[in-house]
Amino acid sequence: MRYYLLALAISAAVSFVMSVIAWRFGLKYKIYPKIRERDVHKTPTPRLGGVAMWAGVVVALLSAWFVFPLISDVDYFRLVFADPGPPLAIMGAATVIVIIGVVDDLYDLDWMTKLAGQIIAAGVLAWQGVQLVSLPLGGSLAIGSPYMSLILTILAVVLVMNAVNFIDGLDGLVAGVAIVANGVFFVYSFVISITINQTEYFNLAALLSAVLIGACLGFLPLNWHPARLFMGDAGALLTGLLMATSAISVTGQIDPAQISRTALLPAFIPILLPFAILIVPLLDFGLAVLRRVSAGKSPFTADRKHLHHRLLDMGHSHFQAVLIFYAWTIVVAVGCLMFLFVKPTYFVLIFLGVGLVACAAVTLAPLSRRKRVEIAVQATSPDQLQASESGRFDPLDEAASALDPADTDTAAQAAVPELTPPKERP
């Protein structure tokens, strides 16, 4: 375990130092794009954080490959790097995707070019053996055709990359979600390696999760609200790439012939857990694609209707919206993982039920405040409230001004004095 922590620490340290360098370099030479209409931030901010994260990941992987054997009597990661193809493919794919992301951040590439770059990066992984080789579905666990394995791998990697990229709209959002999700996935990949091989505790999936956690931890101090540095498409796509690769690597460790029908739940976790840890990005991605295709647009057309935009429009603050994403990720991912450890399973169901209800209540809380304002305003006679104020505070009016969540209660109190607590009335 300590060598995983060492890899994590190296990734975090390199990522932090490079983030500071990228931030100062970006400001000095004004390497940042113009603020777009859909952007939440108001100040031009460098988007070179993905380069810093990439540096942390690559240095940590190279250290585990070449340096760790020199400082230890045992080469703990010998099986991870026994075949150099997959590690080199991962670093090569990460480099390709970061280059595509940086160019897009600076020059705003068209969606076809970005998609082509993503397919190339995913193809490099599949070409070197990082592939989906088994799926615990139906009566058969193995993917019979190599071509089908290649296609499914590329589709999975591209899907996860775009899903993660789609939620990258708030300070600290992707980095924090990735830390939580990969923390859960690290525990799972470590445990599954012990279950399958009682003597082999070190595997590629756990190592990738550890170095990605480190890269996000090193980057997050400069990305916390108000952010001084963004990860940009380079960082978001890199995060999605490594998360997808970790999940695919786990499925490669499962030999379908060794899994009995009575032990199928652990076999399903490699399929369920990636969806669990990516529940929010995948949901946002699905809704965005459906929304844009229904409008006759490209699925990659940018807009300001992502889930994080909707949370802000509902009345949540920036900080609250980010914490809500964290909460949903924690509840779903941890709940899914608990099926492996907690018996009887109804305790897990209780945890999931309570957690999901609590998250939903917090998410929808501003709507109750806005509804109270709406009812108060609509129940007020024109003599008590000017029409201009009614238009401002009616959330159903498309022309209404955006409500400041701090003003909702005072708005209702201004409209109807009875809503004001007695001690505050004049």
Protein backbone atom coordinates (compact mmCIF):
# COMPACT_ATOMS: atom_id res chain seq x y z
CA MET A 1 0.00 0.00 0.00
CA ARG A 2 2.81 2.43 0.81
CA TYR A 3 4.07 2.30 -2.77
CA TYR A 4 0.65 3.27 -4.04
CA LEU A 5 0.75 6.18 -1.61
CA LEU A 6 4.25 7.07 -2.80
CA ALA A 7 3.07 7.11 -6.42
CA LEU A 8 0.11 9.25 -5.38
CA ALA A 9 2.39 11.68 -3.52
CA ILE A 10 4.78 12.00 -6.47
CA SER A 11 1.89 12.68 -8.84
CA ALA A 12 0.42 15.27 -6.46
CA ALA A 13 3.73 17.07 -5.92
CA VAL A 14 4.58 17.25 -9.63
CA SER A 15 1.03 18.28 -10.52
CA PHE A 16 1.04 21.07 -7.92
CA VAL A 17 4.42 22.48 -8.95
CA MET A 18 3.53 22.33 -12.62
CA SER A 19 0.11 23.90 -11.92
CA VAL A 20 1.80 26.90 -10.30
CA ILE A 21 4.19 27.17 -13.25
CA ALA A 22 1.34 26.85 -15.76
CA TRP A 23 -0.72 29.48 -13.92
CA ARG A 24 2.12 32.02 -13.86
CA PHE A 25 3.15 31.22 -17.43
CA GLY A 26 -0.43 31.59 -18.66
CA LEU A 27 -0.89 34.94 -16.94
CA LYS A 28 2.47 36.30 -18.04
CA TYR A 29 1.95 35.49 -21.71
CA LYS A 30 -1.86 35.83 -21.64
CA ILE A 31 -2.41 32.25 -22.75
CA TYR A 32 -6.11 32.03 -22.11
CA PRO A 33 -9.20 32.17 -24.34
CA LYS A 34 -11.90 34.79 -24.29
CA ILE A 35 -14.80 34.31 -21.91
CA ARG A 36 -17.71 32.58 -23.65
CA GLU A 37 -21.39 33.22 -23.08
CA ARG A 38 -21.88 29.86 -21.38
CA ASP A 39 -18.91 30.29 -19.02
CA VAL A 40 -19.61 30.81 -15.34
CA HIS A 41 -16.39 32.69 -14.56
CA LYS A 42 -16.02 36.39 -15.37
CA THR A 43 -12.23 36.78 -15.37
CA PRO A 44 -9.95 35.39 -18.12
CA THR A 45 -8.23 32.34 -16.63
CA PRO A 46 -5.45 30.09 -18.02
CA ARG A 47 -6.57 26.60 -19.05
CA LEU A 48 -3.23 24.81 -18.83
CA GLY A 49 -4.03 22.71 -15.77
CA GLY A 50 -4.36 19.59 -17.91
CA VAL A 51 -0.68 19.83 -18.84
CA ALA A 52 0.26 19.94 -15.15
CA MET A 53 -1.92 16.91 -14.42
CA TRP A 54 -0.41 15.04 -17.35
CA ALA A 55 3.09 15.74 -16.03
CA GLY A 56 2.13 14.40 -12.60
CA VAL A 57 0.67 11.20 -14.06
CA VAL A 58 3.60 10.50 -16.39
CA VAL A 59 6.29 11.20 -13.78
CA ALA A 60 4.51 9.00 -11.22
CA LEU A 61 4.14 6.11 -13.69
CA LEU A 62 7.79 6.36 -14.78
CA SER A 63 8.86 6.47 -11.12
CA ALA A 64 6.88 3.31 -10.34
CA TRP A 65 8.42 1.67 -13.40
CA PHE A 66 12.10 2.61 -13.05
CA VAL A 67 12.73 4.22 -9.65
CA PHE A 68 10.73 2.10 -7.21
CA PRO A 69 12.72 -1.09 -7.99
CA LEU A 70 15.90 0.81 -7.07
CA ILE A 71 14.66 1.89 -3.64
CA SER A 72 13.12 -1.44 -2.68
CA ASP A 73 14.35 -5.01 -2.49
CA VAL A 74 11.17 -6.14 -4.21
CA ASP A 75 9.87 -4.89 -7.55
CA TYR A 76 6.28 -4.58 -6.41
CA PHE A 77 4.98 -3.41 -9.78
CA ARG A 78 6.84 -6.03 -11.80
CA LEU A 79 3.66 -7.54 -13.25
CA VAL A 80 2.27 -4.11 -14.14
CA PHE A 81 5.29 -3.32 -16.29
CA ALA A 82 6.20 -6.85 -17.34
CA ASP A 83 4.59 -6.10 -20.70
CA PRO A 84 5.68 -2.55 -21.57
CA GLY A 85 2.98 -2.22 -24.24
CA PRO A 86 0.00 -1.17 -22.06
CA PRO A 87 1.88 1.36 -19.88
CA LEU A 88 3.46 2.95 -22.93
CA ALA A 89 0.09 2.99 -24.70
CA ILE A 90 -1.51 4.70 -21.70
CA MET A 91 1.15 7.41 -21.59
CA GLY A 92 1.01 7.78 -25.38
CA ALA A 93 -2.78 8.06 -25.41
CA ALA A 94 -2.63 10.56 -22.54
CA THR A 95 -0.14 12.65 -24.50
CA VAL A 96 -2.32 12.62 -27.62
CA ILE A 97 -5.44 13.64 -25.72
CA VAL A 98 -3.67 16.42 -23.82
CA ILE A 99 -2.29 17.87 -27.06
CA ILE A 100 -5.77 17.80 -28.61
CA GLY A 101 -7.23 19.37 -25.46
CA VAL A 102 -4.69 22.18 -25.25
CA VAL A 103 -5.14 23.08 -28.92
CA ASP A 104 -8.90 23.06 -28.44
CA ASP A 105 -8.65 25.25 -25.35
CA LEU A 106 -6.62 27.82 -27.26
CA TYR A 107 -8.15 27.70 -30.73
CA ASP A 108 -11.58 26.04 -30.24
CA LEU A 109 -11.38 23.05 -32.58
CA ASP A 110 -14.48 21.76 -34.34
CA TRP A 111 -16.14 18.73 -32.78
CA MET A 112 -15.15 16.33 -35.57
CA THR A 113 -11.46 17.04 -35.06
CA LYS A 114 -11.76 16.54 -31.31
CA LEU A 115 -13.67 13.31 -31.78
CA ALA A 116 -11.06 12.03 -34.22
CA GLY A 117 -8.32 12.73 -31.67
CA GLN A 118 -10.28 10.91 -28.97
CA ILE A 119 -10.76 7.88 -31.21
CA ILE A 120 -7.03 7.83 -32.00
CA ALA A 121 -6.15 7.94 -28.29
CA ALA A 122 -8.63 5.16 -27.49
CA GLY A 123 -7.36 3.16 -30.46
CA VAL A 124 -3.79 3.36 -29.16
CA LEU A 125 -4.96 1.82 -25.88
CA ALA A 126 -6.89 -0.97 -27.58
CA TRP A 127 -4.05 -1.66 -30.00
CA GLN A 128 -1.70 -2.42 -27.13
CA GLY A 129 -4.06 -4.74 -25.31
CA VAL A 130 -5.94 -2.41 -22.95
CA GLN A 131 -9.28 -3.86 -24.01
CA LEU A 132 -12.60 -5.03 -22.69
CA VAL A 133 -12.16 -8.80 -22.76
CA SER A 134 -15.11 -9.84 -20.62
CA LEU A 135 -18.55 -8.57 -19.69
CA PRO A 136 -20.55 -10.40 -17.01
CA LEU A 137 -23.84 -10.23 -18.89
CA GLY A 138 -26.31 -12.98 -19.77
CA GLY A 139 -25.12 -16.55 -19.94
CA SER A 140 -21.65 -15.81 -21.28
CA LEU A 141 -18.99 -13.63 -19.70
CA ALA A 142 -16.49 -13.42 -22.54
CA ILE A 143 -16.45 -11.13 -25.58
CA GLY A 144 -15.88 -13.64 -28.34
CA SER A 145 -14.73 -11.42 -31.20
CA PRO A 146 -11.47 -9.41 -31.06
CA TYR A 147 -13.05 -6.84 -33.36
CA MET A 148 -16.03 -6.45 -31.04
CA SER A 149 -13.64 -6.05 -28.12
CA LEU A 150 -11.77 -3.32 -30.01
CA ILE A 151 -14.97 -1.46 -30.93
CA LEU A 152 -16.45 -1.65 -27.42
CA THR A 153 -13.19 -0.45 -25.89
CA ILE A 154 -13.00 2.60 -28.14
CA LEU A 155 -16.66 3.43 -27.57
CA ALA A 156 -16.30 3.09 -23.78
CA VAL A 157 -13.20 5.29 -23.62
CA VAL A 158 -14.66 7.99 -25.86
CA LEU A 159 -17.94 7.94 -23.93
CA VAL A 160 -16.27 8.37 -20.53
CA MET A 161 -13.91 11.10 -21.79
CA ASN A 162 -16.79 13.17 -23.12
CA ALA A 163 -18.97 12.53 -20.09
CA VAL A 164 -16.28 13.87 -17.77
CA ASN A 165 -15.57 16.78 -20.10
CA PHE A 166 -19.25 17.75 -20.19
CA ILE A 167 -19.41 18.44 -16.42
CA ASP A 168 -16.24 20.55 -16.40
CA GLY A 169 -18.02 23.84 -15.85
CA LEU A 170 -17.48 24.77 -12.20
CA ASP A 171 -14.35 25.39 -10.16
CA GLY A 172 -13.14 22.20 -8.50
CA LEU A 173 -15.94 20.06 -9.92
CA VAL A 174 -14.17 17.51 -12.11
CA ALA A 175 -11.09 17.28 -9.87
CA GLY A 176 -13.18 16.68 -6.76
CA VAL A 177 -15.51 14.16 -8.41
CA ALA A 178 -12.47 12.33 -9.82
CA ILE A 179 -10.83 12.16 -6.38
CA VAL A 180 -13.97 10.66 -4.84
CA ALA A 181 -14.67 8.29 -7.73
CA ASN A 182 -11.11 7.06 -8.09
CA GLY A 183 -10.76 6.66 -4.35
CA VAL A 184 -13.69 4.23 -4.42
CA PHE A 185 -12.36 2.52 -7.52
CA PHE A 186 -8.89 2.18 -6.00
CA VAL A 187 -10.36 0.29 -3.04
CA TYR A 188 -12.27 -1.99 -5.38
CA SER A 189 -9.36 -2.72 -7.73
CA PHE A 190 -7.08 -3.42 -4.77
CA VAL A 191 -9.60 -5.80 -3.19
CA ILE A 192 -10.40 -7.61 -6.45
CA SER A 193 -6.69 -8.23 -7.05
CA ILE A 194 -6.45 -9.91 -3.64
CA THR A 195 -9.57 -11.94 -4.34
CA ILE A 196 -8.32 -13.25 -7.67
CA ASN A 197 -4.68 -13.67 -6.68
CA GLN A 198 -3.92 -13.88 -2.97
CA THR A 199 -0.27 -12.88 -3.45
CA GLU A 200 -0.53 -10.11 -6.05
CA TYR A 201 -1.58 -6.80 -4.52
CA PHE A 202 -0.33 -4.52 -7.28
CA ASN A 203 -2.14 -3.99 -10.55
CA LEU A 204 -2.47 -1.43 -13.31
CA ALA A 205 -6.00 -0.30 -12.40
CA ALA A 206 -5.11 0.54 -8.80
CA LEU A 207 -1.90 2.30 -9.88
CA LEU A 208 -3.76 4.45 -12.42
CA SER A 209 -6.39 5.35 -9.83
CA ALA A 210 -3.70 6.34 -7.34
CA VAL A 211 -1.72 8.56 -9.73
CA LEU A 212 -4.91 10.21 -11.02
CA ILE A 213 -6.00 10.98 -7.45
CA GLY A 214 -2.59 12.53 -6.88
CA ALA A 215 -2.76 14.60 -10.06
CA CYS A 216 -6.18 15.96 -9.08
CA LEU A 217 -5.07 16.67 -5.50
CA GLY A 218 -2.06 18.63 -6.76
CA PHE A 219 -4.16 20.61 -9.21
CA LEU A 220 -7.17 21.29 -6.96
CA PRO A 221 -5.63 24.07 -4.78
CA LEU A 222 -5.36 26.30 -7.85
CA ASN A 223 -8.75 25.22 -9.17
CA TRP A 224 -10.80 25.72 -6.01
CA HIS A 225 -13.33 28.54 -6.22
CA PRO A 226 -12.42 31.20 -7.22
CA ALA A 227 -10.15 29.30 -9.59
CA ARG A 228 -6.82 30.67 -10.72
CA LEU A 229 -6.26 27.82 -13.19
CA PHE A 230 -8.59 25.58 -15.20
CA MET A 231 -7.81 22.03 -16.30
CA GLY A 232 -9.47 22.76 -19.65
CA ASP A 233 -10.42 20.08 -22.13
CA ALA A 234 -6.92 18.64 -21.79
CA GLY A 235 -7.39 17.88 -18.09
CA ALA A 236 -11.01 16.74 -18.34
CA LEU A 237 -10.34 14.40 -21.26
CA LEU A 238 -7.21 13.07 -19.53
CA THR A 239 -9.23 12.37 -16.39
CA GLY A 240 -11.88 10.53 -18.37
CA LEU A 241 -9.26 8.58 -20.31
CA LEU A 242 -7.53 7.30 -17.18
CA MET A 243 -10.80 6.48 -15.41
CA ALA A 244 -11.97 4.46 -18.40
CA THR A 245 -8.60 2.72 -18.65
CA SER A 246 -8.74 1.75 -14.97
CA ALA A 247 -12.17 0.19 -15.41
CA ILE A 248 -11.13 -1.66 -18.56
CA SER A 249 -7.98 -2.94 -16.85
CA VAL A 250 -10.06 -4.45 -14.05
CA THR A 251 -12.24 -6.42 -16.46
CA GLY A 252 -9.06 -7.79 -18.00
CA GLN A 253 -8.14 -9.39 -14.67
CA ILE A 254 -11.34 -11.45 -14.50
CA ASP A 255 -11.11 -14.91 -16.00
CA PRO A 256 -14.68 -15.88 -16.91
CA ALA A 257 -13.86 -19.56 -16.44
CA GLN A 258 -13.00 -18.95 -12.78
CA ILE A 259 -16.26 -17.19 -11.90
CA SER A 260 -19.07 -19.39 -10.63
CA ARG A 261 -22.72 -18.49 -10.84
CA THR A 262 -22.81 -18.06 -7.05
CA ALA A 263 -20.08 -15.44 -7.24
CA LEU A 264 -21.45 -13.34 -10.05
CA LEU A 265 -22.09 -10.18 -8.01
CA PRO A 266 -18.35 -9.40 -7.65
CA ALA A 267 -18.06 -10.01 -11.39
CA PHE A 268 -20.79 -7.46 -12.08
CA ILE A 269 -19.06 -4.77 -10.02
CA PRO A 270 -16.52 -3.95 -12.79
CA ILE A 271 -19.52 -3.07 -14.95
CA LEU A 272 -21.65 -1.42 -12.29
CA LEU A 273 -18.96 0.53 -10.44
CA PRO A 274 -17.72 2.60 -13.41
CA PHE A 275 -21.31 3.65 -14.05
CA ALA A 276 -21.76 4.35 -10.34
CA ILE A 277 -18.70 6.57 -10.00
CA LEU A 278 -19.60 8.32 -13.26
CA ILE A 279 -23.33 8.58 -12.55
CA VAL A 280 -23.41 12.39 -12.69
CA PRO A 281 -21.19 12.84 -15.78
CA LEU A 282 -23.00 10.08 -17.67
CA LEU A 283 -26.40 11.51 -16.75
CA ASP A 284 -25.36 14.98 -17.87
CA PHE A 285 -23.89 13.55 -21.07
CA GLY A 286 -27.04 11.58 -21.88
CA LEU A 287 -29.33 14.53 -21.26
CA ALA A 288 -27.12 16.85 -23.32
CA VAL A 289 -27.00 14.47 -26.29
CA LEU A 290 -30.77 13.92 -26.16
CA ARG A 291 -31.43 17.66 -25.86
CA ARG A 292 -29.18 18.62 -28.75
CA VAL A 293 -30.18 15.83 -31.12
CA SER A 294 -33.87 16.59 -30.46
CA ALA A 295 -33.16 20.19 -31.46
CA GLY A 296 -31.52 19.03 -34.69
CA LYS A 297 -28.01 19.98 -33.52
CA SER A 298 -24.74 18.11 -33.17
CA PRO A 299 -24.38 16.22 -29.85
CA PHE A 300 -21.17 18.19 -29.31
CA THR A 301 -22.73 21.63 -29.76
CA ALA A 302 -21.99 23.71 -26.66
CA ASP A 303 -24.81 25.20 -24.62
CA ARG A 304 -25.60 26.48 -21.14
CA LYS A 305 -28.02 23.77 -20.05
CA HIS A 306 -25.72 21.31 -18.31
CA LEU A 307 -26.62 20.06 -14.84
CA HIS A 308 -24.21 22.45 -13.14
CA HIS A 309 -25.77 25.38 -15.01
CA ARG A 310 -29.21 24.24 -13.91
CA LEU A 311 -28.11 24.02 -10.28
CA LEU A 312 -26.88 27.61 -10.44
CA ASP A 313 -30.10 28.73 -12.12
CA MET A 314 -32.12 27.01 -9.39
CA GLY A 315 -30.47 29.25 -6.82
CA HIS A 316 -27.52 27.24 -5.55
CA SER A 317 -24.26 29.04 -5.01
CA HIS A 318 -21.14 27.92 -6.85
CA PHE A 319 -19.82 26.15 -3.75
CA GLN A 320 -23.16 24.46 -3.04
CA ALA A 321 -23.46 23.16 -6.60
CA VAL A 322 -20.01 21.58 -6.44
CA LEU A 323 -20.74 19.93 -3.08
CA ILE A 324 -24.00 18.53 -4.45
CA PHE A 325 -22.10 16.81 -7.26
CA TYR A 326 -19.67 15.41 -4.69
CA ALA A 327 -22.54 14.12 -2.55
CA TRP A 328 -24.28 12.30 -5.39
CA THR A 329 -20.99 10.69 -6.43
CA ILE A 330 -20.18 9.58 -2.89
CA VAL A 331 -23.59 8.08 -2.18
CA VAL A 332 -23.89 6.12 -5.44
CA ALA A 333 -20.25 4.98 -5.70
CA VAL A 334 -19.81 4.04 -2.04
CA GLY A 335 -23.21 2.36 -2.00
CA CYS A 336 -22.28 0.24 -5.01
CA LEU A 337 -18.96 -0.74 -3.43
CA MET A 338 -20.65 -1.64 -0.12
CA PHE A 339 -22.38 -4.59 -1.80
CA LEU A 340 -19.01 -6.36 -1.66
CA PHE A 341 -18.39 -5.83 2.04
CA VAL A 342 -21.65 -5.29 3.92
CA LYS A 343 -24.00 -8.14 4.77
CA PRO A 344 -26.98 -8.39 4.83
CA THR A 345 -27.51 -6.31 1.74
CA TYR A 346 -30.54 -4.47 3.08
CA PHE A 347 -28.14 -2.30 5.10
CA VAL A 348 -26.66 -1.15 1.79
CA LEU A 349 -30.13 -0.50 0.41
CA ILE A 350 -30.95 1.59 3.49
CA PHE A 351 -27.75 3.58 3.03
CA LEU A 352 -28.52 4.16 -0.64
CA GLY A 353 -32.14 5.07 0.05
CA VAL A 354 -31.35 7.56 2.80
CA GLY A 355 -28.42 9.01 0.89
CA LEU A 356 -30.33 9.49 -2.34
CA VAL A 357 -33.29 11.07 -0.56
CA ALA A 358 -30.97 13.45 1.30
CA CYS A 359 -29.16 14.40 -1.91
CA ALA A 360 -32.45 14.98 -3.70
CA ALA A 361 -33.74 17.14 -0.84
CA VAL A 362 -30.62 19.31 -0.84
CA THR A 363 -30.62 19.54 -4.64
CA LEU A 364 -34.26 20.65 -4.82
CA ALA A 365 -34.19 22.90 -1.73
CA PRO A 366 -33.99 26.19 -3.69
CA LEU A 367 -37.17 25.27 -5.56
CA SER A 368 -39.17 25.34 -2.33
CA ARG A 369 -37.85 28.83 -1.58
CA ARG A 370 -38.60 30.00 -5.10
CA LYS A 371 -42.06 28.46 -4.94
CA ARG A 372 -42.73 30.29 -1.69
CA VAL A 373 -41.71 33.54 -3.37
CA GLU A 374 -43.91 32.78 -6.36
CA ILE A 375 -46.95 31.99 -4.19
CA ALA A 376 -46.37 35.08 -2.09
CA VAL A 377 -46.10 37.35 -5.13
CA GLN A 378 -49.07 35.85 -6.94
CA ALA A 379 -51.22 36.17 -3.82
CA THR A 380 -50.35 39.86 -3.47
CA SER A 381 -52.68 42.45 -4.93
CA PRO A 382 -51.37 44.95 -7.49
CA ASP A 383 -51.73 47.74 -4.93
CA GLN A 384 -49.32 46.00 -2.57
CA LEU A 385 -46.69 45.10 -5.17
CA GLN A 386 -45.60 46.96 -8.27
CA ALA A 387 -45.78 45.07 -11.56
CA SER A 388 -42.05 45.48 -12.11
CA GLU A 389 -41.31 43.73 -8.83
CA SER A 390 -43.79 40.96 -9.66
CA GLY A 391 -42.01 40.32 -12.91
CA ARG A 392 -38.68 40.19 -11.19
CA PHE A 393 -39.63 37.66 -8.56
CA ASP A 394 -41.88 35.35 -10.59
CA PRO A 395 -39.62 32.40 -11.52
CA LEU A 396 -42.13 31.19 -14.10
CA ASP A 397 -41.75 34.40 -16.09
CA GLU A 398 -39.03 33.91 -18.73
CA ALA A 399 -38.30 37.62 -18.64
CA ALA A 400 -37.81 37.58 -14.87
CA SER A 401 -34.39 38.51 -13.54
CA ALA A 402 -32.31 35.70 -12.03
CA LEU A 403 -33.02 35.32 -8.34
CA ASP A 404 -30.16 35.65 -5.93
CA PRO A 405 -30.60 32.76 -3.47
CA ALA A 406 -29.82 35.16 -0.64
CA ASP A 407 -32.67 37.41 -1.76
CA THR A 408 -35.44 34.83 -2.05
CA ASP A 409 -36.64 35.04 1.54
CA THR A 410 -36.36 38.82 1.64
CA ALA A 411 -38.23 39.00 -1.65
CA ALA A 412 -41.10 37.01 -0.22
CA GLN A 413 -41.06 39.13 2.93
CA ALA A 414 -41.16 42.30 0.87
CA ALA A 415 -44.11 41.00 -1.10
CA VAL A 416 -46.04 39.68 1.89
CA PRO A 417 -45.08 41.12 5.31
CA GLU A 418 -46.73 38.15 7.02
CA LEU A 419 -43.77 36.01 5.94
CA THR A 420 -41.44 38.17 8.04
CA PRO A 421 -40.75 36.80 11.52
CA PRO A 422 -42.45 38.97 14.20
CA LYS A 423 -39.18 40.13 15.76
CA GLU A 424 -38.00 41.48 12.39
CA ARG A 425 -41.14 43.40 11.47
CA PRO A 426 -40.88 47.19 11.69
